[in-house]
Structures are given as C-alpha cells and as structure tokens.
Amino acid sequence: MSADRISLTVPSRPEYAKAVRMTASALVSRMGATYDDLDDVRIAAEELFVYSCDHAGEEADILIEFLLDDDEVTMSVRLPAGSRATDEDAERRAAYATFILQSVCDHYELTSDLEGQYLKVRKRLAAEPDDAGS
C-alpha cells in the first residue's frame, strides 16, 4: 500500500471531538490494526483535537492531516502563531493531552517556528493475527 494522505478540517469546538475520533478509527480500521492499536489511535486523535481546540480558540478551524502508511499512521496539526492555551484549565488540559499523546503514540513531536506550532504524532500498527492458521 502506498501512503495515503487525508485532511480533515473541523471547527475548533469540543462537540466535534467524536467526529475526529471516529474518522481516525475508520481510517485505521481498514489497515488491519489490532484492537489495542485502534484504541490508541482513537485516543490520540481525540487528545490531538483537544490540544488544538485549547490553543486555536473557538473562532478557528483545525486542519488535521492523517498519513496512512503500510504499518503506521501519522496525525499532525498546525496551530497559528499567537495561539496558546488561554486559561489555567486549558493549560492543564493541554498538559494532560500531551501526557496521553506521549503514552499512546510511538513518536510525539511539538515544534515551534514563526508560523506557529506544529504537533505531530505517529503510531506504528501491529498486524492482526491471521485466523487461517488456527
């Protein structure tokens, strides 16, 4: 399978977290991921979105890019310059989201430049065991 890139643009509002989670689930399930990997990707997608919402503000749209390769999925989001958690609760949620992302993903990268922040996570997928050999 060659790498597929899927882009999802979602309003920066918490009620869309389920849509992001379900999109990630649907994309990864077609790759033959194990249940545990599928669950990790669902969690990562939601936490990535929560982090983005707290930093982008309610007036923004969030663009999440999914890169599906043979045995891994990468999710990334760019937050514009000047965006950041605006209150203490949002900062706590962002710290929690970061902890979760680092726990369920194989790679976590948060970089900053003049254009803003770029958050990228990657999860390697184990293949589902083949039932034919049983």
Protein backbone atom coordinates (compact mmCIF):
# COMPACT_ATOMS: atom_id res chain seq x y z
CA MET A 1 0.00 0.00 0.00
CA SER A 2 1.33 3.44 -0.83
CA ALA A 3 0.95 6.22 1.70
CA ASP A 4 -2.43 7.94 1.68
CA ARG A 5 -2.90 11.49 2.95
CA ILE A 6 -6.30 12.52 4.29
CA SER A 7 -7.06 16.04 5.51
CA LEU A 8 -9.91 16.83 7.87
CA THR A 9 -10.94 20.39 8.66
CA VAL A 10 -13.07 20.74 11.79
CA PRO A 11 -14.36 23.78 13.71
CA SER A 12 -12.43 24.28 16.93
CA ARG A 13 -15.28 23.26 19.22
CA PRO A 14 -15.39 20.33 21.66
CA GLU A 15 -18.57 18.87 20.19
CA TYR A 16 -16.54 17.77 17.14
CA ALA A 17 -14.13 15.58 19.15
CA LYS A 18 -16.24 12.48 18.49
CA ALA A 19 -16.17 13.13 14.73
CA VAL A 20 -12.36 13.36 14.79
CA ARG A 21 -12.09 10.20 16.91
CA MET A 22 -14.45 8.25 14.64
CA THR A 23 -12.67 9.43 11.48
CA ALA A 24 -9.33 8.22 12.85
CA SER A 25 -10.93 4.92 13.83
CA ALA A 26 -12.46 4.40 10.39
CA LEU A 27 -9.20 5.20 8.60
CA VAL A 28 -7.06 2.90 10.73
CA SER A 29 -9.52 0.01 10.86
CA ARG A 30 -9.12 -0.50 7.11
CA MET A 31 -5.39 -1.03 7.68
CA GLY A 32 -5.91 -4.24 9.66
CA ALA A 33 -4.83 -2.75 13.00
CA THR A 34 -5.23 -4.68 16.22
CA TYR A 35 -7.95 -3.61 18.64
CA ASP A 36 -5.33 -2.16 21.02
CA ASP A 37 -3.72 -0.10 18.26
CA LEU A 38 -7.12 1.07 17.05
CA ASP A 39 -7.98 2.18 20.58
CA ASP A 40 -4.65 4.02 20.91
CA VAL A 41 -5.25 5.88 17.63
CA ARG A 42 -8.77 6.87 18.71
CA ILE A 43 -7.43 8.23 21.98
CA ALA A 44 -4.57 10.04 20.23
CA ALA A 45 -6.90 11.66 17.67
CA GLU A 46 -9.18 13.00 20.38
CA GLU A 47 -6.32 14.31 22.52
CA LEU A 48 -4.70 15.93 19.49
CA PHE A 49 -8.01 17.68 18.80
CA VAL A 50 -8.45 18.76 22.46
CA TYR A 51 -4.95 20.20 22.50
CA SER A 52 -5.66 22.02 19.25
CA CYS A 53 -9.00 23.43 20.45
CA ASP A 54 -7.46 24.86 23.59
CA HIS A 55 -4.74 26.56 21.57
CA ALA A 56 -6.65 27.70 18.50
CA GLY A 57 -9.71 29.32 20.07
CA GLU A 58 -13.36 28.82 19.11
CA GLU A 59 -13.27 31.02 16.00
CA ALA A 60 -10.67 28.88 14.23
CA ASP A 61 -10.84 25.78 12.10
CA ILE A 62 -8.46 22.93 12.83
CA LEU A 63 -6.83 21.05 9.98
CA ILE A 64 -5.79 17.54 10.98
CA GLU A 65 -3.76 15.58 8.48
CA PHE A 66 -3.64 11.80 8.57
CA LEU A 67 -0.85 9.98 6.74
CA LEU A 68 -1.58 6.27 6.41
CA ASP A 69 1.42 4.15 5.51
CA ASP A 70 1.85 0.36 5.40
CA ASP A 71 2.31 -0.13 9.12
CA GLU A 72 1.83 3.26 10.75
CA VAL A 73 -0.43 6.28 10.97
CA THR A 74 0.78 9.85 11.46
CA MET A 75 -1.53 12.62 12.62
CA SER A 76 -0.46 16.25 12.52
CA VAL A 77 -1.88 19.70 13.11
CA ARG A 78 -0.51 23.22 12.72
CA LEU A 79 -1.57 25.92 15.16
CA PRO A 80 -1.08 29.51 14.02
CA ALA A 81 1.40 31.88 15.66
CA GLY A 82 0.00 33.58 18.73
CA SER A 83 -2.28 30.66 19.55
CA ARG A 84 -1.94 29.22 23.02
CA ALA A 85 -3.94 27.98 25.95
CA THR A 86 -5.76 30.98 27.36
CA ASP A 87 -6.53 29.98 30.94
CA GLU A 88 -5.27 27.73 33.69
CA ASP A 89 -7.82 24.99 32.95
CA ALA A 90 -6.86 24.97 29.27
CA GLU A 91 -3.18 24.72 30.22
CA ARG A 92 -3.95 21.73 32.47
CA ARG A 93 -5.93 20.06 29.66
CA ALA A 94 -3.04 20.69 27.27
CA ALA A 95 -0.55 19.15 29.71
CA TYR A 96 -2.84 16.14 30.15
CA ALA A 97 -3.29 15.81 26.36
CA THR A 98 0.49 15.92 25.92
CA PHE A 99 0.95 13.19 28.55
CA ILE A 100 -1.67 10.97 26.89
CA LEU A 101 -0.22 11.52 23.40
CA GLN A 102 3.26 10.61 24.59
CA SER A 103 1.83 7.49 26.27
CA VAL A 104 -0.20 6.03 23.41
CA CYS A 105 1.97 7.06 20.44
CA ASP A 106 5.39 5.84 19.34
CA HIS A 107 6.51 9.33 18.34
CA TYR A 108 5.50 12.75 19.68
CA GLU A 109 6.89 15.96 18.26
CA LEU A 110 5.92 19.54 19.10
CA THR A 111 7.88 22.21 17.26
CA SER A 112 7.52 25.96 17.05
CA ASP A 113 8.54 28.41 14.37
CA LEU A 114 7.50 31.87 13.16
CA GLU A 115 4.28 30.44 11.68
CA GLY A 116 3.18 28.79 14.94
CA GLN A 117 3.28 25.34 16.49
CA TYR A 118 3.31 22.04 14.64
CA LEU A 119 2.22 18.93 16.52
CA LYS A 120 2.84 15.51 15.00
CA VAL A 121 2.25 12.05 16.48
CA ARG A 122 2.93 8.65 14.95
CA LYS A 123 1.62 5.22 15.89
CA ARG A 124 3.09 2.01 14.47
CA LEU A 125 0.48 -0.65 13.90
CA ALA A 126 0.80 -4.36 14.59
CA ALA A 127 -0.93 -6.62 12.10
CA GLU A 128 -3.99 -8.54 13.26
CA PRO A 129 -3.12 -12.26 13.61
CA ASP A 130 -4.31 -14.34 10.66
CA ASP A 131 -7.16 -16.65 11.70
CA ALA A 132 -6.45 -19.03 8.79
CA GLY A 133 -3.61 -20.69 10.68
CA SER A 134 -5.84 -21.66 13.64
